[in-house]
Amino acid sequence: MDVADVEGFTSTSVETYVLVDVSTRRPDVYIAPGEELRGDVRQRHDEYMSRVGTRPRNPDSKHTKIEPAEVKQWKSGWKRFD
């Protein structure tokens, strides 16, 4: 999943995110608690920026991404809706 604006994403108060990985034949669904997901995204983004300093292609970009491996603990987490 691409996040166009990491600052905007991490400053929201969404309680639960439903992420869908459509890159496979049978899409996988991840049900993530908002606060934990935003914290994880913020941490990974900050670590990346610490490594690269300035974005190589577009220094003004606020883009980040969420990979399926980074949210695997929430795969098929439908129990959040019980």
PDB file of N, CA and C in Angstrom:
ATOM      1  N   MET A   1       0.848  -1.169   0.000  1.00  0.00           N
ATOM      2  CA  MET A   1       0.000   0.000   0.000  1.00  0.00           C
ATOM      3  C   MET A   1       0.891   1.227   0.000  1.00  0.00           C
ATOM      4  N   ASP A   2       0.593   2.146  -0.849  1.00  0.00           N
ATOM      5  CA  ASP A   2       1.318   3.400  -0.872  1.00  0.00           C
ATOM      6  C   ASP A   2       0.598   4.420  -0.008  1.00  0.00           C
ATOM      7  N   VAL A   3       1.372   5.172   0.724  1.00  0.00           N
ATOM      8  CA  VAL A   3       0.853   6.270   1.528  1.00  0.00           C
ATOM      9  C   VAL A   3       1.444   7.540   0.930  1.00  0.00           C
ATOM     10  N   ALA A   4       0.608   8.369   0.332  1.00  0.00           N
ATOM     11  CA  ALA A   4       1.088   9.550  -0.375  1.00  0.00           C
ATOM     12  C   ALA A   4       1.657  10.602   0.571  1.00  0.00           C
ATOM     13  N   ASP A   5       1.144  10.675   1.779  1.00  0.00           N
ATOM     14  CA  ASP A   5       1.594  11.703   2.724  1.00  0.00           C
ATOM     15  C   ASP A   5       1.734  11.073   4.109  1.00  0.00           C
ATOM     16  N   VAL A   6       2.954  10.709   4.461  1.00  0.00           N
ATOM     17  CA  VAL A   6       3.193  10.037   5.736  1.00  0.00           C
ATOM     18  C   VAL A   6       2.784  10.917   6.915  1.00  0.00           C
ATOM     19  N   GLU A   7       2.964  12.213   6.795  1.00  0.00           N
ATOM     20  CA  GLU A   7       2.578  13.117   7.889  1.00  0.00           C
ATOM     21  C   GLU A   7       1.068  13.098   8.097  1.00  0.00           C
ATOM     22  N   GLY A   8       0.321  13.172   7.009  1.00  0.00           N
ATOM     23  CA  GLY A   8      -1.133  13.135   7.104  1.00  0.00           C
ATOM     24  C   GLY A   8      -1.630  11.807   7.642  1.00  0.00           C
ATOM     25  N   PHE A   9      -1.059  10.720   7.154  1.00  0.00           N
ATOM     26  CA  PHE A   9      -1.472   9.378   7.588  1.00  0.00           C
ATOM     27  C   PHE A   9      -1.232   9.178   9.076  1.00  0.00           C
ATOM     28  N   THR A  10      -0.047   9.546   9.550  1.00  0.00           N
ATOM     29  CA  THR A  10       0.293   9.273  10.946  1.00  0.00           C
ATOM     30  C   THR A  10      -0.371  10.244  11.919  1.00  0.00           C
ATOM     31  N   SER A  11      -1.002  11.288  11.407  1.00  0.00           N
ATOM     32  CA  SER A  11      -1.672  12.233  12.310  1.00  0.00           C
ATOM     33  C   SER A  11      -3.185  11.994  12.385  1.00  0.00           C
ATOM     34  N   THR A  12      -3.679  10.958  11.726  1.00  0.00           N
ATOM     35  CA  THR A  12      -5.113  10.678  11.773  1.00  0.00           C
ATOM     36  C   THR A  12      -5.481   9.960  13.070  1.00  0.00           C
ATOM     37  N   SER A  13      -6.763   9.753  13.260  1.00  0.00           N
ATOM     38  CA  SER A  13      -7.225   9.038  14.452  1.00  0.00           C
ATOM     39  C   SER A  13      -8.119   7.860  14.075  1.00  0.00           C
ATOM     40  N   VAL A  14      -7.894   7.297  12.906  1.00  0.00           N
ATOM     41  CA  VAL A  14      -8.668   6.140  12.453  1.00  0.00           C
ATOM     42  C   VAL A  14      -8.429   4.984  13.417  1.00  0.00           C
ATOM     43  N   GLU A  15      -9.499   4.348  13.849  1.00  0.00           N
ATOM     44  CA  GLU A  15      -9.391   3.277  14.841  1.00  0.00           C
ATOM     45  C   GLU A  15      -8.878   1.970  14.250  1.00  0.00           C
ATOM     46  N   THR A  16      -9.358   1.615  13.062  1.00  0.00           N
ATOM     47  CA  THR A  16      -8.989   0.347  12.430  1.00  0.00           C
ATOM     48  C   THR A  16      -8.798   0.560  10.929  1.00  0.00           C
ATOM     49  N   TYR A  17      -7.732  -0.024  10.402  1.00  0.00           N
ATOM     50  CA  TYR A  17      -7.490   0.015   8.956  1.00  0.00           C
ATOM     51  C   TYR A  17      -7.707  -1.374   8.392  1.00  0.00           C
ATOM     52  N   VAL A  18      -8.330  -1.440   7.231  1.00  0.00           N
ATOM     53  CA  VAL A  18      -8.457  -2.684   6.485  1.00  0.00           C
ATOM     54  C   VAL A  18      -7.589  -2.516   5.246  1.00  0.00           C
ATOM     55  N   LEU A  19      -6.482  -3.254   5.217  1.00  0.00           N
ATOM     56  CA  LEU A  19      -5.550  -3.189   4.098  1.00  0.00           C
ATOM     57  C   LEU A  19      -5.748  -4.425   3.237  1.00  0.00           C
ATOM     58  N   VAL A  20      -5.728  -4.255   1.933  1.00  0.00           N
ATOM     59  CA  VAL A  20      -5.918  -5.367   1.014  1.00  0.00           C
ATOM     60  C   VAL A  20      -4.732  -5.425   0.064  1.00  0.00           C
ATOM     61  N   ASP A  21      -4.066  -6.559   0.053  1.00  0.00           N
ATOM     62  CA  ASP A  21      -2.951  -6.788  -0.868  1.00  0.00           C
ATOM     63  C   ASP A  21      -3.530  -7.431  -2.119  1.00  0.00           C
ATOM     64  N   VAL A  22      -3.621  -6.663  -3.188  1.00  0.00           N
ATOM     65  CA  VAL A  22      -4.206  -7.158  -4.434  1.00  0.00           C
ATOM     66  C   VAL A  22      -3.128  -7.603  -5.421  1.00  0.00           C
ATOM     67  N   SER A  23      -1.889  -7.763  -4.951  1.00  0.00           N
ATOM     68  CA  SER A  23      -0.800  -8.138  -5.849  1.00  0.00           C
ATOM     69  C   SER A  23      -0.734  -9.645  -6.104  1.00  0.00           C
ATOM     70  N   THR A  24      -1.578 -10.408  -5.430  1.00  0.00           N
ATOM     71  CA  THR A  24      -1.602 -11.859  -5.624  1.00  0.00           C
ATOM     72  C   THR A  24      -2.942 -12.263  -6.238  1.00  0.00           C
ATOM     73  N   ARG A  25      -2.995 -13.481  -6.707  1.00  0.00           N
ATOM     74  CA  ARG A  25      -4.225 -13.966  -7.348  1.00  0.00           C
ATOM     75  C   ARG A  25      -5.425 -13.900  -6.403  1.00  0.00           C
ATOM     76  N   ARG A  26      -5.188 -14.298  -5.162  1.00  0.00           N
ATOM     77  CA  ARG A  26      -6.233 -14.231  -4.136  1.00  0.00           C
ATOM     78  C   ARG A  26      -5.826 -13.163  -3.132  1.00  0.00           C
ATOM     79  N   PRO A  27      -6.495 -12.034  -3.118  1.00  0.00           N
ATOM     80  CA  PRO A  27      -6.087 -10.927  -2.239  1.00  0.00           C
ATOM     81  C   PRO A  27      -6.063 -11.325  -0.766  1.00  0.00           C
ATOM     82  N   ASP A  28      -5.057 -10.827  -0.074  1.00  0.00           N
ATOM     83  CA  ASP A  28      -4.949 -11.006   1.368  1.00  0.00           C
ATOM     84  C   ASP A  28      -5.471  -9.753   2.059  1.00  0.00           C
ATOM     85  N   VAL A  29      -6.108  -9.944   3.212  1.00  0.00           N
ATOM     86  CA  VAL A  29      -6.684  -8.840   3.964  1.00  0.00           C
ATOM     87  C   VAL A  29      -5.980  -8.746   5.310  1.00  0.00           C
ATOM     88  N   TYR A  30      -5.673  -7.519   5.716  1.00  0.00           N
ATOM     89  CA  TYR A  30      -5.011  -7.250   6.991  1.00  0.00           C
ATOM     90  C   TYR A  30      -5.878  -6.243   7.746  1.00  0.00           C
ATOM     91  N   ILE A  31      -6.259  -6.596   8.966  1.00  0.00           N
ATOM     92  CA  ILE A  31      -7.085  -5.736   9.799  1.00  0.00           C
ATOM     93  C   ILE A  31      -6.179  -5.193  10.900  1.00  0.00           C
ATOM     94  N   ALA A  32      -5.788  -3.938  10.774  1.00  0.00           N
ATOM     95  CA  ALA A  32      -4.769  -3.378  11.657  1.00  0.00           C
ATOM     96  C   ALA A  32      -5.341  -2.326  12.597  1.00  0.00           C
ATOM     97  N   PRO A  33      -4.966  -2.380  13.871  1.00  0.00           N
ATOM     98  CA  PRO A  33      -5.364  -1.323  14.804  1.00  0.00           C
ATOM     99  C   PRO A  33      -4.654  -0.024  14.412  1.00  0.00           C
ATOM    100  N   GLY A  34      -5.418   1.038  14.315  1.00  0.00           N
ATOM    101  CA  GLY A  34      -4.909   2.301  13.812  1.00  0.00           C
ATOM    102  C   GLY A  34      -3.665   2.826  14.505  1.00  0.00           C
ATOM    103  N   GLU A  35      -3.699   2.886  15.822  1.00  0.00           N
ATOM    104  CA  GLU A  35      -2.572   3.463  16.555  1.00  0.00           C
ATOM    105  C   GLU A  35      -1.286   2.662  16.340  1.00  0.00           C
ATOM    106  N   GLU A  36      -1.401   1.352  16.358  1.00  0.00           N
ATOM    107  CA  GLU A  36      -0.212   0.509  16.149  1.00  0.00           C
ATOM    108  C   GLU A  36       0.326   0.642  14.736  1.00  0.00           C
ATOM    109  N   LEU A  37      -0.566   0.621  13.744  1.00  0.00           N
ATOM    110  CA  LEU A  37      -0.131   0.742  12.357  1.00  0.00           C
ATOM    111  C   LEU A  37       0.548   2.090  12.120  1.00  0.00           C
ATOM    112  N   ARG A  38      -0.060   3.165  12.606  1.00  0.00           N
ATOM    113  CA  ARG A  38       0.550   4.489  12.424  1.00  0.00           C
ATOM    114  C   ARG A  38       1.906   4.569  13.103  1.00  0.00           C
ATOM    115  N   GLY A  39       2.035   3.992  14.287  1.00  0.00           N
ATOM    116  CA  GLY A  39       3.322   3.979  14.982  1.00  0.00           C
ATOM    117  C   GLY A  39       4.378   3.216  14.210  1.00  0.00           C
ATOM    118  N   ASP A  40       3.992   2.047  13.678  1.00  0.00           N
ATOM    119  CA  ASP A  40       4.917   1.247  12.883  1.00  0.00           C
ATOM    120  C   ASP A  40       5.347   1.992  11.620  1.00  0.00           C
ATOM    121  N   VAL A  41       4.390   2.596  10.935  1.00  0.00           N
ATOM    122  CA  VAL A  41       4.698   3.336   9.702  1.00  0.00           C
ATOM    123  C   VAL A  41       5.638   4.496  10.023  1.00  0.00           C
ATOM    124  N   ARG A  42       5.351   5.224  11.079  1.00  0.00           N
ATOM    125  CA  ARG A  42       6.191   6.365  11.459  1.00  0.00           C
ATOM    126  C   ARG A  42       7.617   5.902  11.764  1.00  0.00           C
ATOM    127  N   GLN A  43       7.746   4.819  12.523  1.00  0.00           N
ATOM    128  CA  GLN A  43       9.070   4.316  12.895  1.00  0.00           C
ATOM    129  C   GLN A  43       9.864   3.893  11.658  1.00  0.00           C
ATOM    130  N   ARG A  44       9.250   3.100  10.780  1.00  0.00           N
ATOM    131  CA  ARG A  44       9.948   2.642   9.572  1.00  0.00           C
ATOM    132  C   ARG A  44      10.332   3.812   8.681  1.00  0.00           C
ATOM    133  N   HIS A  45       9.428   4.774   8.542  1.00  0.00           N
ATOM    134  CA  HIS A  45       9.713   5.942   7.706  1.00  0.00           C
ATOM    135  C   HIS A  45      10.877   6.754   8.292  1.00  0.00           C
ATOM    136  N   ASP A  46      10.855   6.982   9.581  1.00  0.00           N
ATOM    137  CA  ASP A  46      11.933   7.741  10.230  1.00  0.00           C
ATOM    138  C   ASP A  46      13.272   7.012  10.105  1.00  0.00           C
ATOM    139  N   GLU A  47      13.255   5.693  10.254  1.00  0.00           N
ATOM    140  CA  GLU A  47      14.492   4.918  10.096  1.00  0.00           C
ATOM    141  C   GLU A  47      15.023   5.022   8.666  1.00  0.00           C
ATOM    142  N   TYR A  48      14.128   4.948   7.694  1.00  0.00           N
ATOM    143  CA  TYR A  48      14.526   5.089   6.292  1.00  0.00           C
ATOM    144  C   TYR A  48      15.139   6.460   6.046  1.00  0.00           C
ATOM    145  N   MET A  49      14.475   7.500   6.513  1.00  0.00           N
ATOM    146  CA  MET A  49      14.978   8.862   6.291  1.00  0.00           C
ATOM    147  C   MET A  49      16.314   9.067   7.002  1.00  0.00           C
ATOM    148  N   SER A  50      16.522   8.435   8.135  1.00  0.00           N
ATOM    149  CA  SER A  50      17.811   8.527   8.829  1.00  0.00           C
ATOM    150  C   SER A  50      18.924   7.905   7.991  1.00  0.00           C
ATOM    151  N   ARG A  51      18.592   6.820   7.294  1.00  0.00           N
ATOM    152  CA  ARG A  51      19.592   6.154   6.442  1.00  0.00           C
ATOM    153  C   ARG A  51      19.919   6.965   5.200  1.00  0.00           C
ATOM    154  N   VAL A  52      18.894   7.517   4.531  1.00  0.00           N
ATOM    155  CA  VAL A  52      19.124   8.185   3.243  1.00  0.00           C
ATOM    156  C   VAL A  52      19.340   9.681   3.368  1.00  0.00           C
ATOM    157  N   GLY A  53      18.928  10.270   4.466  1.00  0.00           N
ATOM    158  CA  GLY A  53      19.078  11.720   4.642  1.00  0.00           C
ATOM    159  C   GLY A  53      18.036  12.485   3.855  1.00  0.00           C
ATOM    160  N   THR A  54      18.278  12.657   2.578  1.00  0.00           N
ATOM    161  CA  THR A  54      17.344  13.338   1.683  1.00  0.00           C
ATOM    162  C   THR A  54      16.910  12.347   0.616  1.00  0.00           C
ATOM    163  N   ARG A  55      15.651  12.403   0.254  1.00  0.00           N
ATOM    164  CA  ARG A  55      15.167  11.488  -0.789  1.00  0.00           C
ATOM    165  C   ARG A  55      15.950  11.728  -2.079  1.00  0.00           C
ATOM    166  N   PRO A  56      16.461  10.655  -2.671  1.00  0.00           N
ATOM    167  CA  PRO A  56      17.330  10.805  -3.832  1.00  0.00           C
ATOM    168  C   PRO A  56      16.656  11.368  -5.087  1.00  0.00           C
ATOM    169  N   ARG A  57      15.427  10.988  -5.366  1.00  0.00           N
ATOM    170  CA  ARG A  57      14.780  11.457  -6.597  1.00  0.00           C
ATOM    171  C   ARG A  57      13.907  12.679  -6.394  1.00  0.00           C
ATOM    172  N   ASN A  58      13.265  12.780  -5.234  1.00  0.00           N
ATOM    173  CA  ASN A  58      12.354  13.899  -4.991  1.00  0.00           C
ATOM    174  C   ASN A  58      12.434  14.293  -3.522  1.00  0.00           C
ATOM    175  N   PRO A  59      13.288  15.256  -3.206  1.00  0.00           N
ATOM    176  CA  PRO A  59      13.477  15.657  -1.802  1.00  0.00           C
ATOM    177  C   PRO A  59      12.196  16.143  -1.110  1.00  0.00           C
ATOM    178  N   ASP A  60      11.198  16.582  -1.875  1.00  0.00           N
ATOM    179  CA  ASP A  60       9.960  17.098  -1.287  1.00  0.00           C
ATOM    180  C   ASP A  60       8.894  16.021  -1.060  1.00  0.00           C
ATOM    181  N   SER A  61       9.156  14.800  -1.492  1.00  0.00           N
ATOM    182  CA  SER A  61       8.175  13.728  -1.375  1.00  0.00           C
ATOM    183  C   SER A  61       7.884  13.396   0.084  1.00  0.00           C
ATOM    184  N   LYS A  62       6.621  13.118   0.370  1.00  0.00           N
ATOM    185  CA  LYS A  62       6.194  12.680   1.701  1.00  0.00           C
ATOM    186  C   LYS A  62       5.684  11.244   1.644  1.00  0.00           C
ATOM    187  N   HIS A  63       5.995  10.562   0.558  1.00  0.00           N
ATOM    188  CA  HIS A  63       5.519   9.212   0.286  1.00  0.00           C
ATOM    189  C   HIS A  63       6.200   8.174   1.179  1.00  0.00           C
ATOM    190  N   THR A  64       5.451   7.179   1.550  1.00  0.00           N
ATOM    191  CA  THR A  64       5.999   5.996   2.203  1.00  0.00           C
ATOM    192  C   THR A  64       5.170   4.808   1.749  1.00  0.00           C
ATOM    193  N   LYS A  65       5.523   3.624   2.171  1.00  0.00           N
ATOM    194  CA  LYS A  65       4.769   2.446   1.750  1.00  0.00           C
ATOM    195  C   LYS A  65       4.621   1.475   2.903  1.00  0.00           C
ATOM    196  N   ILE A  66       3.654   0.594   2.745  1.00  0.00           N
ATOM    197  CA  ILE A  66       3.416  -0.475   3.710  1.00  0.00           C
ATOM    198  C   ILE A  66       3.491  -1.782   2.930  1.00  0.00           C
ATOM    199  N   GLU A  67       4.445  -2.625   3.291  1.00  0.00           N
ATOM    200  CA  GLU A  67       4.626  -3.917   2.635  1.00  0.00           C
ATOM    201  C   GLU A  67       3.861  -4.999   3.406  1.00  0.00           C
ATOM    202  N   PRO A  68       3.358  -6.020   2.696  1.00  0.00           N
ATOM    203  CA  PRO A  68       2.636  -7.102   3.390  1.00  0.00           C
ATOM    204  C   PRO A  68       3.435  -7.720   4.539  1.00  0.00           C
ATOM    205  N   ALA A  69       4.719  -7.886   4.384  1.00  0.00           N
ATOM    206  CA  ALA A  69       5.538  -8.487   5.451  1.00  0.00           C
ATOM    207  C   ALA A  69       5.539  -7.628   6.716  1.00  0.00           C
ATOM    208  N   GLU A  70       5.295  -6.329   6.559  1.00  0.00           N
ATOM    209  CA  GLU A  70       5.307  -5.417   7.705  1.00  0.00           C
ATOM    210  C   GLU A  70       4.000  -5.448   8.495  1.00  0.00           C
ATOM    211  N   VAL A  71       2.964  -6.029   7.921  1.00  0.00           N
ATOM    212  CA  VAL A  71       1.655  -6.085   8.592  1.00  0.00           C
ATOM    213  C   VAL A  71       1.148  -7.523   8.740  1.00  0.00           C
ATOM    214  N   LYS A  72       2.053  -8.482   8.561  1.00  0.00           N
ATOM    215  CA  LYS A  72       1.649  -9.891   8.568  1.00  0.00           C
ATOM    216  C   LYS A  72       0.960 -10.310   9.862  1.00  0.00           C
ATOM    217  N   GLN A  73       1.275  -9.655  10.977  1.00  0.00           N
ATOM    218  CA  GLN A  73       0.649 -10.022  12.252  1.00  0.00           C
ATOM    219  C   GLN A  73      -0.856  -9.726  12.257  1.00  0.00           C
ATOM    220  N   TRP A  74      -1.331  -8.924  11.308  1.00  0.00           N
ATOM    221  CA  TRP A  74      -2.746  -8.581  11.247  1.00  0.00           C
ATOM    222  C   TRP A  74      -3.466  -9.259  10.090  1.00  0.00           C
ATOM    223  N   LYS A  75      -2.819 -10.229   9.441  1.00  0.00           N
ATOM    224  CA  LYS A  75      -3.444 -10.918   8.315  1.00  0.00           C
ATOM    225  C   LYS A  75      -4.690 -11.649   8.791  1.00  0.00           C
ATOM    226  N   SER A  76      -5.765 -11.459   8.061  1.00  0.00           N
ATOM    227  CA  SER A  76      -7.063 -12.100   8.350  1.00  0.00           C
ATOM    228  C   SER A  76      -7.512 -11.841   9.778  1.00  0.00           C
ATOM    229  N   GLY A  77      -7.251 -10.667  10.286  1.00  0.00           N
ATOM    230  CA  GLY A  77      -7.576 -10.328  11.672  1.00  0.00           C
ATOM    231  C   GLY A  77      -9.003  -9.886  11.889  1.00  0.00           C
ATOM    232  N   TRP A  78      -9.930 -10.639  11.332  1.00  0.00           N
ATOM    233  CA  TRP A  78     -11.347 -10.280  11.416  1.00  0.00           C
ATOM    234  C   TRP A  78     -11.865 -10.231  12.847  1.00  0.00           C
ATOM    235  N   LYS A  79     -11.176 -10.854  13.786  1.00  0.00           N
ATOM    236  CA  LYS A  79     -11.645 -10.872  15.182  1.00  0.00           C
ATOM    237  C   LYS A  79     -11.732  -9.466  15.781  1.00  0.00           C
ATOM    238  N   ARG A  80     -11.054  -8.505  15.180  1.00  0.00           N
ATOM    239  CA  ARG A  80     -11.165  -7.119  15.670  1.00  0.00           C
ATOM    240  C   ARG A  80     -12.595  -6.614  15.587  1.00  0.00           C
ATOM    241  N   PHE A  81     -13.413  -7.258  14.745  1.00  0.00           N
ATOM    242  CA  PHE A  81     -14.791  -6.811  14.573  1.00  0.00           C
ATOM    243  C   PHE A  81     -15.788  -7.616  15.393  1.00  0.00           C
ATOM    244  N   ASP A  82     -15.303  -8.517  16.232  1.00  0.00           N
ATOM    245  CA  ASP A  82     -16.212  -9.302  17.087  1.00  0.00           C
ATOM    246  C   ASP A  82     -16.846  -8.451  18.156  1.00  0.00           C
TER     247      ASP A  82
END
